[in-house]
Amino acid sequence: MSADAPSTDSSALDQQARAFEQATEKIRADCVEGRRIICGRILKIFPDGLVVESGYTNLIRAPLNKSWLIPGTVQTTRPASLVEAREPGCVCVGLVFLTALPKSRSTPKPRPYDYVVIQGYPAGQYSYTSVGTIKRTVRRFSASLPTAIRINRDAAGIEPPVLSPAAAPPGK
């Protein structure tokens, strides 16, 4: 083993760390650019999130905007000809899966036909069985930017650099 081995390992590790950070920053920028306001009716509840029919724009008003979860007793309608824009922060239209929901002791648990109004970050796609054996695939959004970054990074197979035991400094 040569005296250059530790610096070569360190250099390779530094390159891997830079590549990981650059990929993560690109994913973060894409998530921020693709963020949408999910405002809609809860259709299905899963342990890891909610299927929401988004596009109920009149939910984005006071006094309803005090909480991300709105009771199903609220009177609202969905505009028939609503089209989703391609700019950050616009209203999301259509069926979506929302994950990484806020947790609070004061907010009741979501129930079918309640409404949500929350900013979501794109996190790939989600497939579920809607009725019988019918499979649906919808866009997945995360209410948490760090979770959206992790989901997208995992889907792309981007892993942080790992210091191998052979390259670890003595005593570690």
C-alpha atoms as a PDB file:
ATOM      1  CA  MET A   1       0.000   0.000   0.000  1.00  0.00           C
ATOM      2  CA  SER A   2       1.455   3.332  -1.006  1.00  0.00           C
ATOM      3  CA  ALA A   3       1.551   6.534   0.978  1.00  0.00           C
ATOM      4  CA  ASP A   4      -0.755   8.095  -1.648  1.00  0.00           C
ATOM      5  CA  ALA A   5      -3.678   5.757  -0.868  1.00  0.00           C
ATOM      6  CA  PRO A   6      -5.304   7.864   1.902  1.00  0.00           C
ATOM      7  CA  SER A   7      -5.205  11.064  -0.185  1.00  0.00           C
ATOM      8  CA  THR A   8      -6.579   9.210  -3.232  1.00  0.00           C
ATOM      9  CA  ASP A   9      -9.415   7.784  -1.119  1.00  0.00           C
ATOM     10  CA  SER A  10     -10.026  11.229   0.342  1.00  0.00           C
ATOM     11  CA  SER A  11     -10.049  12.825  -3.107  1.00  0.00           C
ATOM     12  CA  ALA A  12     -12.483  10.229  -4.452  1.00  0.00           C
ATOM     13  CA  LEU A  13     -14.674  10.683  -1.380  1.00  0.00           C
ATOM     14  CA  ASP A  14     -14.625  14.468  -1.851  1.00  0.00           C
ATOM     15  CA  GLN A  15     -15.669  14.033  -5.496  1.00  0.00           C
ATOM     16  CA  GLN A  16     -18.476  11.662  -4.504  1.00  0.00           C
ATOM     17  CA  ALA A  17     -19.643  14.091  -1.816  1.00  0.00           C
ATOM     18  CA  ARG A  18     -19.660  16.998  -4.306  1.00  0.00           C
ATOM     19  CA  ALA A  19     -21.572  14.931  -6.866  1.00  0.00           C
ATOM     20  CA  PHE A  20     -24.097  13.889  -4.203  1.00  0.00           C
ATOM     21  CA  GLU A  21     -24.585  17.507  -3.068  1.00  0.00           C
ATOM     22  CA  GLN A  22     -24.961  18.745  -6.657  1.00  0.00           C
ATOM     23  CA  ALA A  23     -27.531  16.051  -7.445  1.00  0.00           C
ATOM     24  CA  THR A  24     -29.399  16.819  -4.222  1.00  0.00           C
ATOM     25  CA  GLU A  25     -29.416  20.550  -4.982  1.00  0.00           C
ATOM     26  CA  LYS A  26     -30.744  19.867  -8.509  1.00  0.00           C
ATOM     27  CA  ILE A  27     -33.535  17.721  -7.072  1.00  0.00           C
ATOM     28  CA  ARG A  28     -34.304  20.416  -4.480  1.00  0.00           C
ATOM     29  CA  ALA A  29     -34.505  23.091  -7.203  1.00  0.00           C
ATOM     30  CA  ASP A  30     -36.807  20.857  -9.294  1.00  0.00           C
ATOM     31  CA  CYS A  31     -39.046  20.275  -6.256  1.00  0.00           C
ATOM     32  CA  VAL A  32     -39.285  24.000  -5.506  1.00  0.00           C
ATOM     33  CA  GLU A  33     -39.971  24.738  -9.170  1.00  0.00           C
ATOM     34  CA  GLY A  34     -42.674  22.044  -9.322  1.00  0.00           C
ATOM     35  CA  ARG A  35     -44.445  22.922  -6.059  1.00  0.00           C
ATOM     36  CA  ARG A  36     -48.216  23.151  -6.205  1.00  0.00           C
ATOM     37  CA  ILE A  37     -51.065  24.120  -3.932  1.00  0.00           C
ATOM     38  CA  ILE A  38     -53.054  20.975  -3.234  1.00  0.00           C
ATOM     39  CA  CYS A  39     -56.593  22.131  -2.485  1.00  0.00           C
ATOM     40  CA  GLY A  40     -59.155  19.422  -2.690  1.00  0.00           C
ATOM     41  CA  ARG A  41     -61.308  16.650  -1.342  1.00  0.00           C
ATOM     42  CA  ILE A  42     -59.858  13.561   0.334  1.00  0.00           C
ATOM     43  CA  LEU A  43     -61.095  10.500  -1.560  1.00  0.00           C
ATOM     44  CA  LYS A  44     -59.023   7.723  -0.011  1.00  0.00           C
ATOM     45  CA  ILE A  45     -56.862   7.395   3.080  1.00  0.00           C
ATOM     46  CA  PHE A  46     -53.763   5.184   3.211  1.00  0.00           C
ATOM     47  CA  PRO A  47     -51.313   4.702   6.090  1.00  0.00           C
ATOM     48  CA  ASP A  48     -48.692   6.721   4.194  1.00  0.00           C
ATOM     49  CA  GLY A  49     -50.906   9.461   2.736  1.00  0.00           C
ATOM     50  CA  LEU A  50     -54.103  10.630   1.078  1.00  0.00           C
ATOM     51  CA  VAL A  51     -55.589  10.463  -2.410  1.00  0.00           C
ATOM     52  CA  VAL A  52     -56.952  13.942  -3.077  1.00  0.00           C
ATOM     53  CA  GLU A  53     -59.049  15.333  -5.910  1.00  0.00           C
ATOM     54  CA  SER A  54     -57.362  18.729  -6.186  1.00  0.00           C
ATOM     55  CA  GLY A  55     -58.665  21.883  -7.825  1.00  0.00           C
ATOM     56  CA  TYR A  56     -61.167  23.285  -5.334  1.00  0.00           C
ATOM     57  CA  THR A  57     -59.792  26.820  -5.600  1.00  0.00           C
ATOM     58  CA  ASN A  58     -62.376  28.501  -3.372  1.00  0.00           C
ATOM     59  CA  LEU A  59     -60.895  26.648  -0.374  1.00  0.00           C
ATOM     60  CA  ILE A  60     -58.005  29.123  -0.525  1.00  0.00           C
ATOM     61  CA  ARG A  61     -59.807  31.872   1.371  1.00  0.00           C
ATOM     62  CA  ALA A  62     -60.244  33.174   4.862  1.00  0.00           C
ATOM     63  CA  PRO A  63     -61.345  31.819   7.294  1.00  0.00           C
ATOM     64  CA  LEU A  64     -60.694  28.380   5.750  1.00  0.00           C
ATOM     65  CA  ASN A  65     -56.966  29.021   5.302  1.00  0.00           C
ATOM     66  CA  LYS A  66     -56.267  28.803   9.056  1.00  0.00           C
ATOM     67  CA  SER A  67     -55.586  25.045   8.886  1.00  0.00           C
ATOM     68  CA  TRP A  68     -54.377  22.587   6.248  1.00  0.00           C
ATOM     69  CA  LEU A  69     -57.323  20.287   7.053  1.00  0.00           C
ATOM     70  CA  ILE A  70     -60.886  21.524   6.507  1.00  0.00           C
ATOM     71  CA  PRO A  71     -64.020  19.615   7.569  1.00  0.00           C
ATOM     72  CA  GLY A  72     -66.112  18.024   4.829  1.00  0.00           C
ATOM     73  CA  THR A  73     -69.107  20.086   5.923  1.00  0.00           C
ATOM     74  CA  VAL A  74     -67.741  23.149   4.100  1.00  0.00           C
ATOM     75  CA  GLN A  75     -69.703  24.095   0.978  1.00  0.00           C
ATOM     76  CA  THR A  76     -67.433  24.281  -2.068  1.00  0.00           C
ATOM     77  CA  THR A  77     -67.364  23.455  -5.750  1.00  0.00           C
ATOM     78  CA  ARG A  78     -64.655  22.708  -8.262  1.00  0.00           C
ATOM     79  CA  PRO A  79     -64.493  24.913 -11.371  1.00  0.00           C
ATOM     80  CA  ALA A  80     -65.314  22.820 -14.440  1.00  0.00           C
ATOM     81  CA  SER A  81     -62.744  24.296 -16.812  1.00  0.00           C
ATOM     82  CA  LEU A  82     -59.794  24.735 -14.466  1.00  0.00           C
ATOM     83  CA  VAL A  83     -56.398  24.079 -16.082  1.00  0.00           C
ATOM     84  CA  GLU A  84     -53.179  23.658 -14.111  1.00  0.00           C
ATOM     85  CA  ALA A  85     -50.535  26.265 -14.876  1.00  0.00           C
ATOM     86  CA  ARG A  86     -46.830  25.438 -15.209  1.00  0.00           C
ATOM     87  CA  GLU A  87     -45.501  27.905 -12.666  1.00  0.00           C
ATOM     88  CA  PRO A  88     -44.339  27.310  -9.095  1.00  0.00           C
ATOM     89  CA  GLY A  89     -47.048  27.626  -6.469  1.00  0.00           C
ATOM     90  CA  CYS A  90     -50.025  27.334  -8.802  1.00  0.00           C
ATOM     91  CA  VAL A  91     -53.089  25.266  -7.979  1.00  0.00           C
ATOM     92  CA  CYS A  92     -52.766  21.545  -8.664  1.00  0.00           C
ATOM     93  CA  VAL A  93     -55.593  20.021 -10.706  1.00  0.00           C
ATOM     94  CA  GLY A  94     -56.677  16.389 -10.709  1.00  0.00           C
ATOM     95  CA  LEU A  95     -56.095  13.287  -8.609  1.00  0.00           C
ATOM     96  CA  VAL A  96     -52.895  13.285  -6.550  1.00  0.00           C
ATOM     97  CA  PHE A  97     -51.380  11.358  -3.668  1.00  0.00           C
ATOM     98  CA  LEU A  98     -50.269  13.540  -0.760  1.00  0.00           C
ATOM     99  CA  THR A  99     -47.709  12.206   1.713  1.00  0.00           C
ATOM    100  CA  ALA A 100     -45.664  13.540   4.670  1.00  0.00           C
ATOM    101  CA  LEU A 101     -48.674  15.264   6.176  1.00  0.00           C
ATOM    102  CA  PRO A 102     -48.241  17.693   9.070  1.00  0.00           C
ATOM    103  CA  LYS A 103     -48.664  16.124  12.482  1.00  0.00           C
ATOM    104  CA  SER A 104     -50.362  18.012  15.274  1.00  0.00           C
ATOM    105  CA  ARG A 105     -52.216  17.036  18.399  1.00  0.00           C
ATOM    106  CA  SER A 106     -54.689  19.873  17.864  1.00  0.00           C
ATOM    107  CA  THR A 107     -55.610  18.914  14.285  1.00  0.00           C
ATOM    108  CA  PRO A 108     -58.106  16.052  13.967  1.00  0.00           C
ATOM    109  CA  LYS A 109     -57.248  13.050  11.796  1.00  0.00           C
ATOM    110  CA  PRO A 110     -58.209  13.382   8.136  1.00  0.00           C
ATOM    111  CA  ARG A 111     -61.413  11.607   7.106  1.00  0.00           C
ATOM    112  CA  PRO A 112     -62.794  10.765   3.681  1.00  0.00           C
ATOM    113  CA  TYR A 113     -64.475  13.793   2.070  1.00  0.00           C
ATOM    114  CA  ASP A 114     -62.686  16.304   4.291  1.00  0.00           C
ATOM    115  CA  TYR A 115     -60.669  18.897   2.397  1.00  0.00           C
ATOM    116  CA  VAL A 116     -56.993  19.822   2.398  1.00  0.00           C
ATOM    117  CA  VAL A 117     -55.205  23.016   1.451  1.00  0.00           C
ATOM    118  CA  ILE A 118     -51.446  22.649   1.569  1.00  0.00           C
ATOM    119  CA  GLN A 119     -48.350  23.255  -0.506  1.00  0.00           C
ATOM    120  CA  GLY A 120     -46.953  20.059  -1.987  1.00  0.00           C
ATOM    121  CA  TYR A 121     -43.642  19.240  -3.624  1.00  0.00           C
ATOM    122  CA  PRO A 122     -43.455  16.722  -6.491  1.00  0.00           C
ATOM    123  CA  ALA A 123     -42.296  13.270  -5.369  1.00  0.00           C
ATOM    124  CA  GLY A 124     -42.784  10.984  -8.350  1.00  0.00           C
ATOM    125  CA  GLN A 125     -45.827   8.789  -8.818  1.00  0.00           C
ATOM    126  CA  TYR A 126     -47.981   6.576  -6.625  1.00  0.00           C
ATOM    127  CA  SER A 127     -49.997   3.526  -7.657  1.00  0.00           C
ATOM    128  CA  TYR A 128     -52.964   2.197  -5.714  1.00  0.00           C
ATOM    129  CA  THR A 129     -56.001  -0.002  -6.172  1.00  0.00           C
ATOM    130  CA  SER A 130     -59.075   2.224  -6.443  1.00  0.00           C
ATOM    131  CA  VAL A 131     -62.024  -0.185  -6.844  1.00  0.00           C
ATOM    132  CA  GLY A 132     -61.805  -3.960  -7.038  1.00  0.00           C
ATOM    133  CA  THR A 133     -58.723  -4.721  -9.104  1.00  0.00           C
ATOM    134  CA  ILE A 134     -58.499  -1.372 -10.906  1.00  0.00           C
ATOM    135  CA  LYS A 135     -55.011   0.118 -10.493  1.00  0.00           C
ATOM    136  CA  ARG A 136     -54.513   3.864 -10.698  1.00  0.00           C
ATOM    137  CA  THR A 137     -51.262   5.769 -10.919  1.00  0.00           C
ATOM    138  CA  VAL A 138     -51.299   9.410  -9.869  1.00  0.00           C
ATOM    139  CA  ARG A 139     -48.761  12.138  -9.211  1.00  0.00           C
ATOM    140  CA  ARG A 140     -47.306  12.015  -5.705  1.00  0.00           C
ATOM    141  CA  PHE A 141     -46.653  15.185  -3.717  1.00  0.00           C
ATOM    142  CA  SER A 142     -45.049  15.604  -0.323  1.00  0.00           C
ATOM    143  CA  ALA A 143     -46.116  18.278   2.151  1.00  0.00           C
ATOM    144  CA  SER A 144     -42.463  18.335   3.283  1.00  0.00           C
ATOM    145  CA  LEU A 145     -39.634  19.538   1.036  1.00  0.00           C
ATOM    146  CA  PRO A 146     -36.967  17.348   2.730  1.00  0.00           C
ATOM    147  CA  THR A 147     -39.198  14.280   2.284  1.00  0.00           C
ATOM    148  CA  ALA A 148     -39.786  15.112  -1.393  1.00  0.00           C
ATOM    149  CA  ILE A 149     -36.032  15.462  -1.912  1.00  0.00           C
ATOM    150  CA  ARG A 150     -35.385  12.101  -0.207  1.00  0.00           C
ATOM    151  CA  ILE A 151     -38.101  10.310  -2.230  1.00  0.00           C
ATOM    152  CA  ASN A 152     -36.807  11.708  -5.533  1.00  0.00           C
ATOM    153  CA  ARG A 153     -33.177  11.005  -4.627  1.00  0.00           C
ATOM    154  CA  ASP A 154     -34.025   7.411  -3.673  1.00  0.00           C
ATOM    155  CA  ALA A 155     -36.000   6.937  -6.906  1.00  0.00           C
ATOM    156  CA  ALA A 156     -32.989   8.165  -8.896  1.00  0.00           C
ATOM    157  CA  GLY A 157     -30.671   5.797  -7.009  1.00  0.00           C
ATOM    158  CA  ILE A 158     -28.523   8.635  -5.668  1.00  0.00           C
ATOM    159  CA  GLU A 159     -26.817   7.566  -2.453  1.00  0.00           C
ATOM    160  CA  PRO A 160     -24.509   9.537  -0.178  1.00  0.00           C
ATOM    161  CA  PRO A 161     -20.839   8.592  -0.278  1.00  0.00           C
ATOM    162  CA  VAL A 162     -19.875   6.049   2.339  1.00  0.00           C
ATOM    163  CA  LEU A 163     -16.492   5.947   3.987  1.00  0.00           C
ATOM    164  CA  SER A 164     -15.316   2.370   3.664  1.00  0.00           C
ATOM    165  CA  PRO A 165     -14.001   0.676   6.844  1.00  0.00           C
ATOM    166  CA  ALA A 166     -10.578   0.246   5.208  1.00  0.00           C
ATOM    167  CA  ALA A 167     -10.373   3.996   4.554  1.00  0.00           C
ATOM    168  CA  ALA A 168     -11.576   5.021   8.010  1.00  0.00           C
ATOM    169  CA  PRO A 169      -9.016   6.817  10.172  1.00  0.00           C
ATOM    170  CA  PRO A 170      -7.441   4.739  12.955  1.00  0.00           C
ATOM    171  CA  GLY A 171      -9.471   4.570  16.154  1.00  0.00           C
ATOM    172  CA  LYS A 172     -12.852   5.048  14.403  1.00  0.00           C
END
